[in-house]
Every structure is written in C-alpha cells, then in structure tokens.
N, C-alpha and C. Protein backbone atom coordinates (compact mmCIF):
# COMPACT_ATOMS: atom_id res chain seq x y z
N MET A 1 124.19 89.55 131.47
CA MET A 1 123.38 90.59 130.86
C MET A 1 123.06 90.16 129.42
N THR A 2 121.78 90.26 129.05
CA THR A 2 121.39 89.89 127.69
C THR A 2 121.82 90.97 126.70
N LYS A 3 121.76 90.62 125.45
CA LYS A 3 122.12 91.58 124.41
C LYS A 3 121.20 92.80 124.47
N LEU A 4 119.90 92.57 124.68
CA LEU A 4 118.96 93.68 124.76
C LEU A 4 119.25 94.56 125.97
N GLU A 5 119.55 93.95 127.10
CA GLU A 5 119.89 94.73 128.29
C GLU A 5 121.14 95.58 128.05
N GLN A 6 122.10 95.04 127.33
CA GLN A 6 123.31 95.81 127.02
C GLN A 6 123.00 96.99 126.11
N ILE A 7 122.14 96.75 125.13
CA ILE A 7 121.74 97.84 124.23
C ILE A 7 121.02 98.93 125.02
N GLU A 8 120.08 98.53 125.87
CA GLU A 8 119.36 99.50 126.69
C GLU A 8 120.32 100.31 127.55
N LYS A 9 121.27 99.66 128.18
CA LYS A 9 122.27 100.34 129.01
C LYS A 9 123.07 101.34 128.18
N ASN A 10 123.51 100.90 127.00
CA ASN A 10 124.29 101.80 126.14
C ASN A 10 123.48 103.01 125.72
N ILE A 11 122.21 102.82 125.43
CA ILE A 11 121.37 103.94 125.02
C ILE A 11 121.21 104.93 126.15
N THR A 12 120.97 104.43 127.35
CA THR A 12 120.79 105.35 128.49
C THR A 12 122.05 106.15 128.80
N GLU A 13 123.19 105.67 128.36
CA GLU A 13 124.46 106.36 128.62
C GLU A 13 124.84 107.36 127.52
N LEU A 14 124.05 107.44 126.46
CA LEU A 14 124.36 108.37 125.38
C LEU A 14 124.21 109.82 125.83
N GLY A 15 125.05 110.68 125.29
CA GLY A 15 124.89 112.11 125.52
C GLY A 15 123.71 112.63 124.70
N GLN A 16 123.36 113.87 124.95
CA GLN A 16 122.18 114.46 124.32
C GLN A 16 122.25 114.41 122.79
N GLU A 17 123.36 114.82 122.21
CA GLU A 17 123.48 114.85 120.75
C GLU A 17 123.46 113.44 120.15
N ASP A 18 124.17 112.51 120.77
CA ASP A 18 124.17 111.13 120.27
C ASP A 18 122.78 110.50 120.42
N PHE A 19 122.10 110.83 121.54
CA PHE A 19 120.76 110.29 121.73
C PHE A 19 119.80 110.82 120.67
N LYS A 20 119.94 112.10 120.34
CA LYS A 20 119.10 112.69 119.29
C LYS A 20 119.37 112.00 117.95
N ALA A 21 120.63 111.78 117.62
CA ALA A 21 120.98 111.10 116.36
C ALA A 21 120.46 109.67 116.36
N PHE A 22 120.59 108.99 117.51
CA PHE A 22 120.07 107.63 117.61
C PHE A 22 118.55 107.61 117.41
N THR A 23 117.86 108.54 118.05
CA THR A 23 116.40 108.61 117.93
C THR A 23 115.97 108.82 116.49
N GLU A 24 116.63 109.71 115.79
CA GLU A 24 116.30 109.96 114.39
C GLU A 24 116.55 108.72 113.55
N TRP A 25 117.67 108.04 113.79
CA TRP A 25 117.98 106.81 113.06
C TRP A 25 116.93 105.74 113.35
N PHE A 26 116.59 105.57 114.63
CA PHE A 26 115.65 104.52 115.02
C PHE A 26 114.26 104.78 114.46
N GLU A 27 113.82 106.02 114.47
CA GLU A 27 112.50 106.35 113.91
C GLU A 27 112.47 106.06 112.42
N ALA A 28 113.56 106.35 111.72
CA ALA A 28 113.64 106.05 110.28
C ALA A 28 113.61 104.53 110.05
N LEU A 29 114.29 103.79 110.91
CA LEU A 29 114.28 102.33 110.81
C LEU A 29 112.87 101.79 111.02
N GLN A 30 112.18 102.29 112.05
CA GLN A 30 110.81 101.85 112.30
C GLN A 30 109.91 102.15 111.12
N ALA A 31 110.03 103.33 110.55
CA ALA A 31 109.20 103.72 109.41
C ALA A 31 109.48 102.81 108.21
N ALA A 32 110.74 102.51 107.96
CA ALA A 32 111.09 101.64 106.83
C ALA A 32 110.54 100.23 107.04
N ARG A 33 110.62 99.72 108.26
CA ARG A 33 110.08 98.38 108.54
C ARG A 33 108.55 98.38 108.41
N TRP A 34 107.92 99.44 108.87
CA TRP A 34 106.46 99.57 108.75
C TRP A 34 106.07 99.57 107.27
N ASP A 35 106.75 100.38 106.47
CA ASP A 35 106.47 100.45 105.04
C ASP A 35 106.62 99.08 104.38
N LYS A 36 107.67 98.37 104.74
CA LYS A 36 107.92 97.04 104.18
C LYS A 36 106.81 96.07 104.56
N GLN A 37 106.34 96.13 105.82
CA GLN A 37 105.28 95.24 106.27
C GLN A 37 103.95 95.56 105.58
N ILE A 38 103.63 96.84 105.47
CA ILE A 38 102.39 97.24 104.79
C ILE A 38 102.42 96.79 103.34
N GLU A 39 103.55 96.97 102.68
CA GLU A 39 103.67 96.54 101.29
C GLU A 39 103.48 95.03 101.17
N ALA A 40 104.05 94.27 102.08
CA ALA A 40 103.90 92.81 102.06
C ALA A 40 102.44 92.43 102.30
N ASP A 41 101.78 93.12 103.23
CA ASP A 41 100.37 92.83 103.51
C ASP A 41 99.49 93.16 102.31
N ILE A 42 99.78 94.26 101.65
CA ILE A 42 99.01 94.64 100.45
C ILE A 42 99.21 93.59 99.36
N ASN A 43 100.45 93.21 99.11
CA ASN A 43 100.75 92.23 98.07
C ASN A 43 100.13 90.86 98.38
N ALA A 44 99.96 90.55 99.67
CA ALA A 44 99.37 89.27 100.06
C ALA A 44 97.84 89.33 100.09
N GLY A 45 97.28 90.52 99.81
CA GLY A 45 95.83 90.65 99.78
C GLY A 45 95.19 90.80 101.15
N LYS A 46 95.99 91.03 102.18
CA LYS A 46 95.46 91.10 103.54
C LYS A 46 94.59 92.34 103.78
N LEU A 47 94.72 93.35 102.93
CA LEU A 47 93.95 94.58 103.12
C LEU A 47 92.80 94.70 102.12
N ASP A 48 92.66 93.72 101.26
CA ASP A 48 91.62 93.78 100.23
C ASP A 48 90.22 93.93 100.81
N GLN A 49 89.92 93.17 101.85
CA GLN A 49 88.58 93.21 102.45
C GLN A 49 88.30 94.60 103.04
N LEU A 50 89.29 95.19 103.67
CA LEU A 50 89.12 96.54 104.22
C LEU A 50 88.90 97.57 103.11
N ALA A 51 89.68 97.46 102.04
CA ALA A 51 89.54 98.38 100.92
C ALA A 51 88.18 98.22 100.26
N ASP A 52 87.74 96.99 100.08
CA ASP A 52 86.43 96.75 99.48
C ASP A 52 85.32 97.34 100.34
N GLY A 53 85.43 97.20 101.63
CA GLY A 53 84.43 97.77 102.54
C GLY A 53 84.41 99.28 102.48
N ALA A 54 85.58 99.89 102.44
CA ALA A 54 85.67 101.35 102.36
C ALA A 54 85.07 101.86 101.05
N LEU A 55 85.38 101.17 99.95
CA LEU A 55 84.82 101.58 98.66
C LEU A 55 83.31 101.40 98.63
N ALA A 56 82.81 100.34 99.23
CA ALA A 56 81.37 100.12 99.29
C ALA A 56 80.69 101.23 100.09
N ASP A 57 81.28 101.60 101.22
CA ASP A 57 80.73 102.70 102.02
C ASP A 57 80.74 103.99 101.23
N PHE A 58 81.82 104.25 100.50
CA PHE A 58 81.91 105.47 99.69
C PHE A 58 80.81 105.50 98.62
N ARG A 59 80.67 104.40 97.92
CA ARG A 59 79.66 104.32 96.85
C ARG A 59 78.24 104.43 97.40
N ALA A 60 78.04 103.99 98.64
CA ALA A 60 76.71 104.06 99.27
C ALA A 60 76.46 105.41 99.93
N GLY A 61 77.40 106.31 99.81
CA GLY A 61 77.23 107.65 100.39
C GLY A 61 77.38 107.69 101.90
N LYS A 62 78.06 106.70 102.46
CA LYS A 62 78.22 106.64 103.91
C LYS A 62 79.48 107.34 104.40
N THR A 63 80.10 108.13 103.55
CA THR A 63 81.33 108.84 103.92
C THR A 63 81.10 110.33 103.82
N LYS A 64 82.01 111.09 104.40
CA LYS A 64 81.94 112.55 104.27
C LYS A 64 83.32 113.09 103.94
N ALA A 65 83.34 114.21 103.29
CA ALA A 65 84.61 114.84 102.89
C ALA A 65 85.38 115.28 104.12
N LEU A 66 86.68 115.20 104.03
CA LEU A 66 87.52 115.66 105.14
C LEU A 66 87.75 117.15 105.08
C-alpha cells in the first residue's frame, strides 16, 4: 500500500467529528498554499499582463460596476 493509499484509508475511517476537524484543517492548508502560490506568481510578474489588460479595459470603458 502506498503512502497516499494509507492516508486515504485513514481518512475514510475517521469518525464524524474527526472528519470535520480534518476537513477544516485541510481547507485551511489549501488556502494557505493557494495564497503562497498567488503571491509567488505576482512577485514573478506572471499576472502583470492580465492586470494590464484589465486596466486597459477599465480605462476604455469596457467594464461595468458590480
């Protein structure tokens, strides 16, 4: 059994309360990793082209208020 298969098995065997706590922890971990990746992409300039396009559309009146 691989490490991942063992983790999956352990998760399926959790009781309701432990599963809820695990889910909350895992969602927080995913959010933190996402934030870290977005920050790295911003710092590397990977989103500059998208931001420039959005600002150009805004200045050209191609956007609408939410």
